[in-house]
């Protein structure tokens, strides 16, 4: 019995850093290092109209900006040449996952700086949206250039 408890504790301690890491190591293809199941990848330019909701209120979190960007693409037909169409965020329910997701970056970027850039500037980049092994949703942003 003691061996089973020790093994279970070792597995939990080994897996915990993957879920709790603050950034994602960049794999050769940008996706192989994702600790979970990739749902969708898309490109975007988070322009000025992505920083305000449909009521005209300024958005204050990176997740809100990601959600509004996808609403602008799918619902309002507002996009830039850098915005790609994705087949996942076509409904309000799915887009709402973005505002509840953990927003992070690959380790060559500072995750807090990446979130700040989404909220306060107009970067161009990609998002890998995935469901982590612990069931939570994560959006990994990477900026072009």
Foldseek 3Di string as FASTA:
>chain_A
DVVVVVVVVVVCVVCVCLVPPQAFAQDPVRPPRNQFAWDDKWKAWLDPQLQAAPVRHGDDWLLSSQLSQLCCVQPVVDGDPGGDDDPQSNDNVRSVLSNVAAEAEHPVDHRVVVGVCSRPHTFIWMWTWGQHPVGHIYIYTDTDD
